[in-house]
Protein backbone atom coordinates (compact mmCIF):
# COMPACT_ATOMS: atom_id res chain seq x y z
CA MET A 1 -0.13 -0.37 0.15
CA LEU A 2 1.21 3.22 -1.10
CA SER A 3 1.47 5.73 1.61
CA PRO A 4 -0.51 9.49 0.73
CA HIS A 5 3.61 11.26 0.63
CA GLU A 6 4.07 8.32 -2.01
CA ILE A 7 0.58 8.52 -3.82
CA SER A 8 1.43 12.76 -4.32
CA THR A 9 4.00 12.13 -5.70
CA LEU A 10 2.82 10.06 -8.40
CA LEU A 11 0.17 12.96 -9.16
CA LEU A 12 3.01 15.11 -9.51
CA VAL A 13 5.24 12.88 -11.57
CA GLN A 14 1.80 12.47 -13.75
CA ARG A 15 1.25 16.47 -13.24
CA ALA A 16 4.88 18.32 -13.44
CA PRO A 17 7.43 15.71 -13.34
CA TYR A 18 9.96 18.20 -13.75
CA GLN A 19 9.53 18.95 -10.29
CA VAL A 20 10.85 15.23 -8.87
CA GLU A 21 13.68 14.20 -8.33
CA ALA A 22 13.77 11.07 -10.43
CA LEU A 23 16.98 9.28 -8.96
CA GLY A 24 15.13 10.65 -5.27
CA GLU A 25 14.29 8.82 -2.03
CA ASP A 26 10.61 10.18 -3.58
CA THR A 27 10.57 8.32 -6.41
CA ASP A 28 12.38 4.84 -4.61
CA ARG A 29 9.53 3.19 -3.79
CA LEU A 30 7.35 4.16 -6.79
CA ARG A 31 10.28 2.76 -9.03
CA HIS A 32 10.37 -1.02 -6.75
CA GLU A 33 6.51 -0.72 -7.62
CA GLN A 34 7.05 -0.22 -11.46
CA LEU A 35 4.96 2.56 -10.93
CA VAL A 36 7.24 5.55 -12.10
CA GLU A 37 10.55 4.57 -14.20
CA VAL A 38 12.85 7.15 -15.06
CA GLU A 39 13.80 8.48 -18.87
CA LEU A 40 17.69 9.46 -19.44
CA LEU A 41 17.83 12.60 -21.32
CA ALA A 42 20.27 14.18 -24.09
CA THR A 43 21.25 16.50 -21.71
CA GLY A 44 22.28 14.22 -18.91
CA GLY A 45 19.11 14.71 -16.71
CA ALA A 46 16.97 12.23 -15.46
CA LEU A 47 13.21 12.46 -16.20
CA PRO A 48 10.63 10.50 -14.00
CA ARG A 49 7.17 9.13 -16.23
CA LEU A 50 4.62 7.34 -14.85
CA THR A 51 4.80 3.60 -16.80
CA SER A 52 1.38 1.72 -17.58
CA ARG A 53 0.97 0.21 -14.07
CA GLY A 54 1.55 4.23 -12.97
CA ARG A 55 -1.18 5.34 -15.81
CA GLU A 56 -3.47 2.42 -13.90
CA LEU A 57 -3.58 3.09 -10.90
CA LEU A 58 -3.87 6.94 -11.29
CA ARG A 59 -7.02 6.00 -12.98
CA ARG A 60 -8.48 4.38 -10.50
CA LEU A 61 -8.14 6.91 -8.19
CA ASP A 62 -9.59 9.29 -9.75
CA ALA A 63 -12.37 6.25 -10.31
CA PHE A 64 -13.15 6.33 -6.72
CA CYS A 65 -12.51 9.87 -5.98
CA LYS A 66 -15.36 10.24 -8.29
CA GLN A 67 -17.59 7.45 -6.95
CA GLN A 68 -17.27 8.49 -3.34
CA ALA A 69 -17.94 12.33 -4.41
CA SER A 70 -20.99 11.42 -6.53
CA PRO A 71 -24.30 11.60 -4.73
CA SER A 72 -25.61 7.52 -3.66
CA ASP A 73 -28.90 6.20 -5.79
CA GLU A 74 -30.45 5.08 -3.33
CA SER A 75 -33.44 6.24 -1.34
CA PRO A 76 -33.64 6.93 2.21
């Protein structure tokens, strides 16, 4: 199970990968879980990218959050 910090790092990789240290502590667990991979740039830098598994996890998390936020279909 991912911690809230790891989930927020995963979201940051999705939306602003240049703000995440690709080889730092924040991405270690995400790389271990195969949710993030590191792209080596021609400039010598590294950039974190979501894997298909990482994109799927965020898609499911988004669907779950939307389901929780929508009103219930049950009658009182």
